N, C-alpha and C. Protein backbone atom coordinates (compact mmCIF):
# COMPACT_ATOMS: atom_id res chain seq x y z
N MET A 1 0.84 -1.20 0.00
CA MET A 1 0.00 0.00 0.00
C MET A 1 0.87 1.25 0.00
N THR A 2 0.61 2.16 -0.93
CA THR A 2 1.38 3.38 -0.98
C THR A 2 0.88 4.36 0.07
N THR A 3 1.76 5.23 0.46
CA THR A 3 1.40 6.26 1.43
C THR A 3 1.60 7.62 0.81
N ARG A 4 0.91 8.59 1.29
CA ARG A 4 1.11 9.94 0.80
C ARG A 4 1.47 10.84 1.97
N PRO A 5 2.38 11.75 1.75
CA PRO A 5 2.80 12.61 2.85
C PRO A 5 1.70 13.57 3.26
N CYS A 6 1.60 13.81 4.55
CA CYS A 6 0.61 14.72 5.09
C CYS A 6 1.33 15.73 5.98
N PRO A 7 1.12 17.01 5.77
CA PRO A 7 1.81 18.00 6.59
C PRO A 7 1.33 17.98 8.03
N VAL A 8 2.27 18.14 8.92
CA VAL A 8 1.98 18.24 10.35
C VAL A 8 2.56 19.57 10.83
N ARG A 9 1.73 20.35 11.47
CA ARG A 9 2.18 21.63 12.02
C ARG A 9 1.84 21.67 13.50
N LEU A 10 2.83 21.97 14.31
CA LEU A 10 2.63 22.10 15.75
C LEU A 10 2.90 23.54 16.17
N THR A 11 1.91 24.15 16.79
CA THR A 11 2.10 25.47 17.39
C THR A 11 2.10 25.27 18.90
N LEU A 12 3.22 25.58 19.52
CA LEU A 12 3.42 25.35 20.95
C LEU A 12 3.29 26.68 21.67
N LEU A 13 2.25 26.81 22.47
CA LEU A 13 2.01 28.04 23.24
C LEU A 13 2.52 27.85 24.65
N CYS A 14 3.47 28.69 25.05
CA CYS A 14 4.00 28.61 26.41
C CYS A 14 3.06 29.30 27.38
N VAL A 15 2.78 28.65 28.48
CA VAL A 15 1.85 29.19 29.47
C VAL A 15 2.39 30.49 30.07
N PRO A 16 1.52 31.32 30.67
CA PRO A 16 1.98 32.55 31.32
C PRO A 16 2.85 32.25 32.54
N ALA A 17 3.60 33.25 32.94
CA ALA A 17 4.42 33.12 34.14
C ALA A 17 3.53 33.05 35.38
N THR A 18 3.93 32.22 36.32
CA THR A 18 3.25 32.15 37.60
C THR A 18 4.06 32.93 38.63
N ALA A 19 3.48 33.11 39.81
CA ALA A 19 4.20 33.83 40.87
C ALA A 19 5.50 33.12 41.22
N ALA A 20 5.47 31.78 41.23
CA ALA A 20 6.68 31.02 41.56
C ALA A 20 7.77 31.24 40.52
N LEU A 21 7.38 31.24 39.25
CA LEU A 21 8.37 31.44 38.20
C LEU A 21 8.98 32.84 38.28
N ARG A 22 8.14 33.84 38.54
CA ARG A 22 8.66 35.21 38.64
C ARG A 22 9.60 35.36 39.83
N ALA A 23 9.41 34.52 40.85
CA ALA A 23 10.27 34.56 42.04
C ALA A 23 11.53 33.71 41.88
N GLY A 24 11.71 33.11 40.71
CA GLY A 24 12.89 32.30 40.47
C GLY A 24 12.83 30.94 41.12
N CYS A 25 11.62 30.39 41.23
CA CYS A 25 11.44 29.08 41.87
C CYS A 25 11.24 27.99 40.83
N PHE A 26 11.58 26.76 41.21
CA PHE A 26 11.25 25.62 40.36
C PHE A 26 9.73 25.50 40.30
N PRO A 27 9.17 25.26 39.11
CA PRO A 27 7.71 25.24 38.96
C PRO A 27 7.04 24.16 39.80
N ALA A 28 5.86 24.50 40.29
CA ALA A 28 4.95 23.54 40.91
C ALA A 28 3.63 23.67 40.15
N ASP A 29 2.61 22.98 40.60
CA ASP A 29 1.32 23.05 39.89
C ASP A 29 0.54 24.26 40.39
N GLU A 30 0.82 25.40 39.80
CA GLU A 30 0.28 26.68 40.25
C GLU A 30 -0.40 27.37 39.09
N ALA A 31 -1.56 27.95 39.32
CA ALA A 31 -2.28 28.69 38.28
C ALA A 31 -1.72 30.10 38.17
N PRO A 32 -1.69 30.67 36.98
CA PRO A 32 -1.25 32.06 36.83
C PRO A 32 -2.29 33.01 37.40
N ASP A 33 -1.86 34.20 37.81
CA ASP A 33 -2.82 35.18 38.32
C ASP A 33 -3.51 35.89 37.16
N THR A 34 -4.50 36.70 37.51
CA THR A 34 -5.31 37.38 36.48
C THR A 34 -4.46 38.26 35.58
N ALA A 35 -3.50 38.97 36.17
CA ALA A 35 -2.66 39.86 35.39
C ALA A 35 -1.84 39.10 34.34
N ALA A 36 -1.37 37.90 34.69
CA ALA A 36 -0.57 37.12 33.75
C ALA A 36 -1.40 36.64 32.58
N LEU A 37 -2.69 36.43 32.81
CA LEU A 37 -3.58 35.96 31.74
C LEU A 37 -4.14 37.09 30.89
N ALA A 38 -4.01 38.33 31.35
CA ALA A 38 -4.63 39.47 30.66
C ALA A 38 -4.23 39.59 29.19
N PRO A 39 -2.97 39.34 28.80
CA PRO A 39 -2.62 39.47 27.38
C PRO A 39 -3.37 38.52 26.46
N LEU A 40 -3.98 37.47 27.02
CA LEU A 40 -4.70 36.51 26.19
C LEU A 40 -6.12 36.99 25.85
N ALA A 41 -6.64 37.96 26.60
CA ALA A 41 -8.02 38.39 26.40
C ALA A 41 -8.30 38.83 24.96
N PRO A 42 -7.46 39.66 24.35
CA PRO A 42 -7.76 40.07 22.97
C PRO A 42 -7.72 38.92 21.97
N LEU A 43 -7.02 37.84 22.32
CA LEU A 43 -6.88 36.73 21.39
C LEU A 43 -8.09 35.80 21.40
N ALA A 44 -8.86 35.85 22.49
CA ALA A 44 -9.96 34.90 22.64
C ALA A 44 -10.97 35.00 21.50
N ALA A 45 -11.21 36.21 21.02
CA ALA A 45 -12.16 36.41 19.92
C ALA A 45 -11.50 36.30 18.56
N LEU A 46 -10.18 36.12 18.54
CA LEU A 46 -9.44 36.10 17.29
C LEU A 46 -8.56 34.86 17.20
N THR A 47 -9.07 33.72 17.67
CA THR A 47 -8.24 32.52 17.75
C THR A 47 -7.69 32.11 16.39
N THR A 48 -8.54 32.11 15.36
CA THR A 48 -8.08 31.70 14.03
C THR A 48 -7.06 32.67 13.49
N ALA A 49 -7.28 33.96 13.70
CA ALA A 49 -6.33 34.96 13.21
C ALA A 49 -5.00 34.84 13.94
N SER A 50 -5.04 34.47 15.22
CA SER A 50 -3.82 34.41 16.02
C SER A 50 -3.01 33.15 15.75
N PHE A 51 -3.69 32.03 15.60
CA PHE A 51 -2.99 30.75 15.47
C PHE A 51 -3.16 30.09 14.12
N GLY A 52 -4.09 30.57 13.30
CA GLY A 52 -4.43 29.89 12.06
C GLY A 52 -5.50 28.83 12.33
N PRO A 53 -6.06 28.23 11.28
CA PRO A 53 -7.06 27.18 11.48
C PRO A 53 -6.47 26.02 12.28
N LEU A 54 -7.23 25.53 13.24
CA LEU A 54 -6.74 24.47 14.12
C LEU A 54 -7.52 23.18 13.90
N ASP A 55 -6.79 22.08 13.81
CA ASP A 55 -7.42 20.77 13.72
C ASP A 55 -7.50 20.07 15.07
N HIS A 56 -6.54 20.37 15.93
CA HIS A 56 -6.49 19.75 17.25
C HIS A 56 -5.99 20.78 18.26
N VAL A 57 -6.53 20.72 19.47
CA VAL A 57 -6.03 21.54 20.58
C VAL A 57 -5.78 20.60 21.75
N VAL A 58 -4.56 20.61 22.26
CA VAL A 58 -4.20 19.76 23.39
C VAL A 58 -3.51 20.63 24.44
N ALA A 59 -3.53 20.16 25.67
CA ALA A 59 -2.95 20.96 26.74
C ALA A 59 -2.40 20.08 27.85
N SER A 60 -1.43 20.63 28.53
CA SER A 60 -0.91 20.01 29.75
C SER A 60 -2.03 19.92 30.80
N PRO A 61 -1.96 18.94 31.69
CA PRO A 61 -2.97 18.86 32.75
C PRO A 61 -2.74 19.84 33.90
N MET A 62 -1.63 20.60 33.88
CA MET A 62 -1.32 21.49 34.98
C MET A 62 -2.26 22.69 35.00
N ALA A 63 -2.40 23.29 36.18
CA ALA A 63 -3.36 24.38 36.37
C ALA A 63 -3.08 25.56 35.44
N SER A 64 -1.81 25.87 35.18
CA SER A 64 -1.48 27.01 34.33
C SER A 64 -1.94 26.79 32.89
N ALA A 65 -1.84 25.57 32.39
CA ALA A 65 -2.27 25.28 31.03
C ALA A 65 -3.80 25.27 30.93
N ARG A 66 -4.44 24.73 31.94
CA ARG A 66 -5.92 24.73 31.94
C ARG A 66 -6.45 26.16 31.96
N ALA A 67 -5.83 27.01 32.76
CA ALA A 67 -6.27 28.41 32.84
C ALA A 67 -6.03 29.13 31.52
N THR A 68 -4.96 28.78 30.83
CA THR A 68 -4.64 29.41 29.55
C THR A 68 -5.68 29.05 28.49
N THR A 69 -6.00 27.78 28.37
CA THR A 69 -7.00 27.38 27.37
C THR A 69 -8.37 27.99 27.70
N GLN A 70 -8.69 28.07 28.98
CA GLN A 70 -9.96 28.69 29.38
C GLN A 70 -9.98 30.17 29.01
N ALA A 71 -8.87 30.87 29.23
CA ALA A 71 -8.80 32.29 28.89
C ALA A 71 -8.95 32.51 27.39
N LEU A 72 -8.49 31.54 26.60
CA LEU A 72 -8.61 31.64 25.14
C LEU A 72 -9.97 31.17 24.63
N GLY A 73 -10.78 30.62 25.51
CA GLY A 73 -12.09 30.11 25.09
C GLY A 73 -11.98 28.86 24.26
N LEU A 74 -10.93 28.07 24.49
CA LEU A 74 -10.71 26.86 23.71
C LEU A 74 -11.03 25.61 24.53
N SER A 75 -11.54 24.60 23.85
CA SER A 75 -11.74 23.29 24.45
C SER A 75 -10.55 22.42 24.06
N ALA A 76 -9.81 21.94 25.04
CA ALA A 76 -8.58 21.20 24.74
C ALA A 76 -8.64 19.79 25.31
N ASP A 77 -8.05 18.86 24.60
CA ASP A 77 -7.84 17.52 25.13
C ASP A 77 -6.62 17.56 26.05
N ILE A 78 -6.75 17.03 27.24
CA ILE A 78 -5.65 17.02 28.19
C ILE A 78 -4.70 15.87 27.86
N ASP A 79 -3.42 16.19 27.75
CA ASP A 79 -2.41 15.20 27.40
C ASP A 79 -1.33 15.22 28.48
N ALA A 80 -1.23 14.15 29.24
CA ALA A 80 -0.28 14.09 30.35
C ALA A 80 1.16 14.21 29.89
N ALA A 81 1.44 13.88 28.64
CA ALA A 81 2.80 13.97 28.13
C ALA A 81 3.29 15.41 28.04
N LEU A 82 2.36 16.37 28.10
CA LEU A 82 2.72 17.79 28.03
C LEU A 82 2.87 18.42 29.41
N ARG A 83 2.80 17.62 30.45
CA ARG A 83 2.87 18.15 31.82
C ARG A 83 4.23 18.80 32.09
N GLU A 84 4.23 19.67 33.09
CA GLU A 84 5.47 20.30 33.53
C GLU A 84 6.43 19.24 34.05
N VAL A 85 7.71 19.55 33.98
CA VAL A 85 8.72 18.65 34.53
C VAL A 85 8.45 18.44 36.02
N ASP A 86 8.61 17.21 36.47
CA ASP A 86 8.49 16.91 37.89
C ASP A 86 9.84 17.18 38.55
N TYR A 87 9.89 18.25 39.33
CA TYR A 87 11.14 18.61 40.00
C TYR A 87 11.26 18.00 41.40
N GLY A 88 10.39 17.08 41.71
CA GLY A 88 10.51 16.38 42.97
C GLY A 88 10.45 17.32 44.16
N ARG A 89 11.35 17.15 45.11
CA ARG A 89 11.31 17.96 46.34
C ARG A 89 11.77 19.40 46.09
N TRP A 90 12.28 19.70 44.89
CA TRP A 90 12.67 21.07 44.58
C TRP A 90 11.50 21.93 44.11
N ALA A 91 10.39 21.32 43.76
CA ALA A 91 9.24 22.07 43.24
C ALA A 91 8.80 23.12 44.26
N GLY A 92 8.66 24.35 43.77
CA GLY A 92 8.24 25.45 44.63
C GLY A 92 9.37 26.12 45.37
N LYS A 93 10.58 25.56 45.35
CA LYS A 93 11.73 26.16 46.03
C LYS A 93 12.53 27.01 45.04
N SER A 94 13.16 28.04 45.56
CA SER A 94 13.95 28.91 44.69
C SER A 94 15.28 28.24 44.35
N LEU A 95 15.84 28.66 43.23
CA LEU A 95 17.14 28.14 42.82
C LEU A 95 18.19 28.48 43.88
N LYS A 96 18.10 29.68 44.45
CA LYS A 96 19.06 30.07 45.48
C LYS A 96 18.95 29.17 46.70
N GLU A 97 17.72 28.84 47.09
CA GLU A 97 17.51 27.97 48.25
C GLU A 97 18.10 26.59 48.01
N VAL A 98 17.84 26.04 46.83
CA VAL A 98 18.37 24.72 46.51
C VAL A 98 19.90 24.77 46.44
N ALA A 99 20.44 25.86 45.91
CA ALA A 99 21.89 26.00 45.81
C ALA A 99 22.55 25.98 47.19
N VAL A 100 21.85 26.49 48.20
CA VAL A 100 22.39 26.50 49.56
C VAL A 100 22.22 25.14 50.23
N LEU A 101 21.02 24.56 50.08
CA LEU A 101 20.70 23.32 50.80
C LEU A 101 21.26 22.07 50.11
N GLU A 102 21.33 22.08 48.79
CA GLU A 102 21.74 20.89 48.04
C GLU A 102 22.67 21.28 46.90
N ALA A 103 23.76 21.92 47.25
CA ALA A 103 24.68 22.44 46.22
C ALA A 103 25.22 21.33 45.32
N ASP A 104 25.60 20.20 45.89
CA ASP A 104 26.17 19.12 45.08
C ASP A 104 25.11 18.52 44.15
N ALA A 105 23.90 18.35 44.68
CA ALA A 105 22.83 17.78 43.86
C ALA A 105 22.47 18.72 42.72
N LEU A 106 22.43 20.01 43.00
CA LEU A 106 22.12 20.99 41.95
C LEU A 106 23.20 20.99 40.88
N ALA A 107 24.46 20.94 41.30
CA ALA A 107 25.55 20.89 40.33
C ALA A 107 25.47 19.64 39.47
N ALA A 108 25.10 18.52 40.08
CA ALA A 108 24.96 17.28 39.33
C ALA A 108 23.82 17.37 38.33
N TRP A 109 22.72 17.99 38.74
CA TRP A 109 21.56 18.15 37.86
C TRP A 109 21.91 19.02 36.66
N LEU A 110 22.68 20.08 36.88
CA LEU A 110 23.07 20.97 35.80
C LEU A 110 24.04 20.30 34.83
N ALA A 111 24.81 19.33 35.33
CA ALA A 111 25.84 18.69 34.52
C ALA A 111 25.41 17.39 33.86
N ASP A 112 24.48 16.69 34.50
CA ASP A 112 24.13 15.33 34.07
C ASP A 112 22.65 15.22 33.72
N PRO A 113 22.28 15.09 32.44
CA PRO A 113 20.87 15.00 32.05
C PRO A 113 20.14 13.80 32.65
N ALA A 114 20.89 12.78 33.10
CA ALA A 114 20.25 11.59 33.66
C ALA A 114 19.99 11.72 35.16
N MET A 115 20.43 12.82 35.77
CA MET A 115 20.32 12.98 37.21
C MET A 115 18.87 13.19 37.64
N HIS A 116 18.41 12.42 38.60
CA HIS A 116 17.07 12.58 39.15
C HIS A 116 17.10 12.45 40.67
N GLY A 117 18.19 12.90 41.27
CA GLY A 117 18.35 12.78 42.71
C GLY A 117 17.40 13.64 43.52
N HIS A 118 16.70 14.57 42.85
CA HIS A 118 15.72 15.40 43.56
C HIS A 118 14.40 14.66 43.77
N GLY A 119 14.32 13.44 43.25
CA GLY A 119 13.10 12.65 43.43
C GLY A 119 12.08 12.85 42.33
N GLY A 120 12.44 13.58 41.27
CA GLY A 120 11.51 13.81 40.17
C GLY A 120 12.05 13.25 38.87
N GLU A 121 11.81 13.97 37.78
CA GLU A 121 12.23 13.53 36.45
C GLU A 121 13.63 14.06 36.11
N SER A 122 14.39 13.28 35.41
CA SER A 122 15.65 13.76 34.84
C SER A 122 15.35 14.48 33.54
N LEU A 123 16.29 15.31 33.10
CA LEU A 123 16.14 15.98 31.81
C LEU A 123 16.11 14.96 30.67
N GLN A 124 16.82 13.87 30.85
CA GLN A 124 16.82 12.80 29.86
C GLN A 124 15.43 12.18 29.72
N ALA A 125 14.75 12.00 30.85
CA ALA A 125 13.40 11.44 30.82
C ALA A 125 12.43 12.40 30.15
N VAL A 126 12.60 13.69 30.38
CA VAL A 126 11.74 14.69 29.75
C VAL A 126 11.98 14.69 28.24
N SER A 127 13.23 14.57 27.82
CA SER A 127 13.56 14.51 26.41
C SER A 127 12.91 13.29 25.75
N ALA A 128 12.95 12.16 26.42
CA ALA A 128 12.32 10.95 25.88
C ALA A 128 10.81 11.13 25.77
N ARG A 129 10.23 11.73 26.79
CA ARG A 129 8.78 12.01 26.77
C ARG A 129 8.43 12.91 25.60
N ALA A 130 9.25 13.93 25.35
CA ALA A 130 9.00 14.85 24.24
C ALA A 130 9.08 14.12 22.90
N GLY A 131 10.08 13.27 22.75
CA GLY A 131 10.23 12.53 21.50
C GLY A 131 9.07 11.60 21.23
N GLN A 132 8.60 10.93 22.27
CA GLN A 132 7.45 10.03 22.11
C GLN A 132 6.21 10.81 21.73
N TRP A 133 6.04 11.99 22.32
CA TRP A 133 4.87 12.81 22.00
C TRP A 133 4.93 13.28 20.54
N LEU A 134 6.09 13.72 20.09
CA LEU A 134 6.23 14.16 18.70
C LEU A 134 5.90 13.04 17.73
N ALA A 135 6.32 11.83 18.06
CA ALA A 135 6.13 10.70 17.16
C ALA A 135 4.65 10.34 16.98
N ARG A 136 3.82 10.78 17.89
CA ARG A 136 2.40 10.45 17.83
C ARG A 136 1.55 11.53 17.17
N ARG A 137 2.14 12.58 16.68
CA ARG A 137 1.34 13.69 16.16
C ARG A 137 0.59 13.31 14.90
N ALA A 138 -0.67 13.70 14.88
CA ALA A 138 -1.53 13.43 13.73
C ALA A 138 -1.35 14.52 12.69
N PRO A 139 -1.67 14.22 11.42
CA PRO A 139 -1.61 15.26 10.39
C PRO A 139 -2.52 16.42 10.74
N GLY A 140 -2.21 17.58 10.19
CA GLY A 140 -3.00 18.77 10.46
C GLY A 140 -2.26 19.72 11.39
N HIS A 141 -2.99 20.72 11.84
CA HIS A 141 -2.43 21.77 12.69
C HIS A 141 -2.88 21.56 14.13
N THR A 142 -1.93 21.37 15.02
CA THR A 142 -2.21 21.16 16.44
C THR A 142 -1.68 22.34 17.25
N LEU A 143 -2.53 22.89 18.08
CA LEU A 143 -2.10 23.88 19.08
C LEU A 143 -1.90 23.14 20.39
N ALA A 144 -0.70 23.22 20.96
CA ALA A 144 -0.41 22.56 22.23
C ALA A 144 -0.05 23.62 23.26
N VAL A 145 -0.78 23.65 24.35
CA VAL A 145 -0.54 24.60 25.44
C VAL A 145 0.27 23.87 26.50
N THR A 146 1.51 24.30 26.68
CA THR A 146 2.39 23.57 27.57
C THR A 146 3.41 24.52 28.20
N HIS A 147 4.49 23.97 28.72
CA HIS A 147 5.42 24.72 29.57
C HIS A 147 6.76 24.93 28.87
N ALA A 148 7.49 25.96 29.32
CA ALA A 148 8.77 26.28 28.69
C ALA A 148 9.72 25.09 28.70
N SER A 149 9.76 24.36 29.79
CA SER A 149 10.67 23.22 29.89
C SER A 149 10.32 22.14 28.86
N VAL A 150 9.05 21.92 28.63
CA VAL A 150 8.62 20.92 27.66
C VAL A 150 8.90 21.40 26.23
N ILE A 151 8.64 22.69 25.98
CA ILE A 151 8.89 23.24 24.65
C ILE A 151 10.38 23.18 24.33
N ARG A 152 11.23 23.49 25.31
CA ARG A 152 12.66 23.38 25.10
C ARG A 152 13.05 21.95 24.70
N ALA A 153 12.47 20.98 25.41
CA ALA A 153 12.77 19.58 25.11
C ALA A 153 12.28 19.20 23.72
N LEU A 154 11.11 19.70 23.32
CA LEU A 154 10.57 19.40 22.00
C LEU A 154 11.46 19.99 20.90
N VAL A 155 11.91 21.23 21.09
CA VAL A 155 12.76 21.86 20.09
C VAL A 155 14.10 21.11 19.98
N ALA A 156 14.69 20.79 21.12
CA ALA A 156 15.96 20.06 21.09
C ALA A 156 15.80 18.72 20.39
N HIS A 157 14.71 18.02 20.68
CA HIS A 157 14.48 16.72 20.05
C HIS A 157 14.26 16.89 18.55
N ALA A 158 13.51 17.90 18.16
CA ALA A 158 13.26 18.14 16.74
C ALA A 158 14.55 18.41 15.98
N LEU A 159 15.51 19.03 16.65
CA LEU A 159 16.79 19.35 16.03
C LEU A 159 17.78 18.19 16.11
N GLY A 160 17.39 17.12 16.80
CA GLY A 160 18.30 16.01 16.98
C GLY A 160 19.41 16.31 17.96
N ALA A 161 19.19 17.27 18.83
CA ALA A 161 20.20 17.67 19.81
C ALA A 161 20.07 16.83 21.07
N PRO A 162 21.14 16.70 21.85
CA PRO A 162 21.07 15.94 23.10
C PRO A 162 20.19 16.63 24.13
N ALA A 163 19.76 15.86 25.12
CA ALA A 163 18.84 16.38 26.14
C ALA A 163 19.38 17.63 26.81
N ARG A 164 20.68 17.65 27.07
CA ARG A 164 21.29 18.78 27.77
C ARG A 164 21.14 20.08 26.99
N ALA A 165 21.03 20.00 25.66
CA ALA A 165 20.92 21.20 24.83
C ALA A 165 19.66 21.99 25.12
N ALA A 166 18.64 21.32 25.65
CA ALA A 166 17.39 22.02 25.95
C ALA A 166 17.60 23.17 26.92
N MET A 167 18.58 23.05 27.80
CA MET A 167 18.81 24.08 28.80
C MET A 167 19.43 25.34 28.17
N GLN A 168 19.84 25.27 26.92
CA GLN A 168 20.43 26.42 26.23
C GLN A 168 19.41 27.14 25.34
N ILE A 169 18.15 26.73 25.43
CA ILE A 169 17.08 27.33 24.62
C ILE A 169 16.20 28.17 25.53
N ASP A 170 16.01 29.43 25.18
CA ASP A 170 15.17 30.33 25.96
C ASP A 170 13.75 30.34 25.39
N ILE A 171 12.79 30.04 26.25
CA ILE A 171 11.37 30.10 25.87
C ILE A 171 10.67 30.99 26.89
N ALA A 172 10.24 32.15 26.46
CA ALA A 172 9.57 33.08 27.37
C ALA A 172 8.09 32.72 27.50
N PRO A 173 7.47 33.12 28.61
CA PRO A 173 6.02 32.90 28.75
C PRO A 173 5.24 33.59 27.63
N LEU A 174 4.10 33.01 27.29
CA LEU A 174 3.20 33.56 26.27
C LEU A 174 3.92 33.83 24.95
N THR A 175 4.68 32.83 24.51
CA THR A 175 5.30 32.89 23.19
C THR A 175 4.91 31.64 22.40
N LEU A 176 5.08 31.74 21.10
CA LEU A 176 4.71 30.64 20.20
C LEU A 176 5.95 30.06 19.54
N THR A 177 6.03 28.75 19.52
CA THR A 177 7.09 28.02 18.83
C THR A 177 6.43 27.07 17.84
N THR A 178 6.92 27.02 16.63
CA THR A 178 6.27 26.24 15.58
C THR A 178 7.22 25.18 15.02
N LEU A 179 6.73 23.96 14.94
CA LEU A 179 7.46 22.85 14.34
C LEU A 179 6.61 22.29 13.20
N THR A 180 7.27 21.86 12.14
CA THR A 180 6.54 21.26 11.02
C THR A 180 7.28 20.02 10.52
N THR A 181 6.52 19.13 9.91
CA THR A 181 7.09 17.95 9.28
C THR A 181 6.08 17.37 8.31
N LEU A 182 6.47 16.31 7.63
CA LEU A 182 5.54 15.54 6.81
C LEU A 182 5.36 14.19 7.46
N ASN A 183 4.11 13.77 7.60
CA ASN A 183 3.80 12.48 8.17
C ASN A 183 3.17 11.63 7.08
N THR A 184 2.85 10.39 7.39
CA THR A 184 2.16 9.54 6.44
C THR A 184 0.91 8.99 7.07
N LEU A 185 -0.06 8.62 6.25
CA LEU A 185 -1.33 8.11 6.76
C LEU A 185 -1.21 6.71 7.32
N THR A 186 -0.16 6.01 6.93
CA THR A 186 0.06 4.67 7.49
C THR A 186 1.50 4.59 7.97
N ALA A 187 1.75 3.70 8.91
CA ALA A 187 3.10 3.56 9.45
C ALA A 187 4.04 3.06 8.37
N PRO A 188 5.28 3.55 8.33
CA PRO A 188 6.23 3.08 7.31
C PRO A 188 6.58 1.62 7.56
N PRO A 189 6.82 0.86 6.50
CA PRO A 189 7.17 -0.55 6.67
C PRO A 189 8.54 -0.71 7.29
N PRO A 190 8.82 -1.88 7.87
CA PRO A 190 10.15 -2.12 8.44
C PRO A 190 11.23 -1.88 7.40
N GLY A 191 12.31 -1.22 7.82
CA GLY A 191 13.42 -0.97 6.92
C GLY A 191 13.24 0.22 6.01
N ALA A 192 12.14 0.97 6.20
CA ALA A 192 11.86 2.10 5.31
C ALA A 192 12.68 3.33 5.68
N GLY A 193 13.43 3.28 6.79
CA GLY A 193 14.23 4.43 7.17
C GLY A 193 13.51 5.28 8.19
N PRO A 194 14.17 6.34 8.66
CA PRO A 194 13.58 7.18 9.68
C PRO A 194 12.41 8.00 9.16
N ALA A 195 11.59 8.45 10.08
CA ALA A 195 10.47 9.31 9.71
C ALA A 195 11.00 10.64 9.20
N ALA A 196 10.12 11.40 8.54
CA ALA A 196 10.52 12.70 8.02
C ALA A 196 11.02 13.59 9.15
N PRO A 197 12.08 14.35 8.91
CA PRO A 197 12.62 15.18 9.98
C PRO A 197 11.71 16.36 10.30
N TRP A 198 11.81 16.82 11.52
CA TRP A 198 11.08 18.01 11.95
C TRP A 198 11.87 19.25 11.54
N ARG A 199 11.14 20.30 11.25
CA ARG A 199 11.73 21.61 11.00
C ARG A 199 11.27 22.56 12.10
N VAL A 200 12.18 23.33 12.62
CA VAL A 200 11.83 24.35 13.61
C VAL A 200 11.66 25.66 12.84
N THR A 201 10.42 26.09 12.69
CA THR A 201 10.16 27.24 11.83
C THR A 201 10.10 28.55 12.61
N SER A 202 9.85 28.51 13.90
CA SER A 202 9.93 29.71 14.74
C SER A 202 10.09 29.27 16.18
N VAL A 203 10.77 30.10 16.97
CA VAL A 203 11.01 29.80 18.37
C VAL A 203 10.69 31.05 19.20
N ALA A 204 9.82 30.87 20.19
CA ALA A 204 9.51 31.91 21.18
C ALA A 204 9.10 33.24 20.53
N ALA A 205 8.23 33.16 19.53
CA ALA A 205 7.71 34.38 18.92
C ALA A 205 6.62 34.96 19.82
N PRO A 206 6.62 36.24 20.09
CA PRO A 206 5.61 36.84 20.98
C PRO A 206 4.20 36.61 20.46
N VAL A 207 3.27 36.39 21.37
CA VAL A 207 1.86 36.26 21.00
C VAL A 207 1.31 37.64 20.68
N HIS A 208 0.62 37.76 19.55
CA HIS A 208 0.03 39.05 19.16
C HIS A 208 -1.49 38.93 19.16
């Protein structure tokens, strides 16, 4: 059976900053305040103009992503693969606090993508999660509402970069990152080679 290529477009919307993020803390499951969501109000009536026609809308299960889709007036399918990184016992603590209390562990985390001594996810695990999510994307245009850490991992994976490279990518709150590729309607047969590569067409573009 022959296959035909189908375009896949992913628009990744980074959630607004929360109070914890503004304070320099590792993220926890916290909803953004009203002021952080305010820039989304003008977009709610202009969803198609802002993002283009959408075939699918998916979102992280975290409170910040749910609040974002609600502010946009969108109905989204919740996808656990888009959840924020699990920072274990560091969640909600400031980087400075962790640097004082667990200096060696923090240094190891910054140096080793496989490190999960904080009791949560390693950067390597997040990278694998991102790759698995990308591999499941359906043809068409998908808007995914998720977190900066996840978007960094998705961009690094799309570029074929190692997990550690994600930490060198800046993703600001309320920005759009776009990935595109060609998919097929049926799975490629064994030995057919790798799937079509992803293209990173924009990174952290401000929401208008």
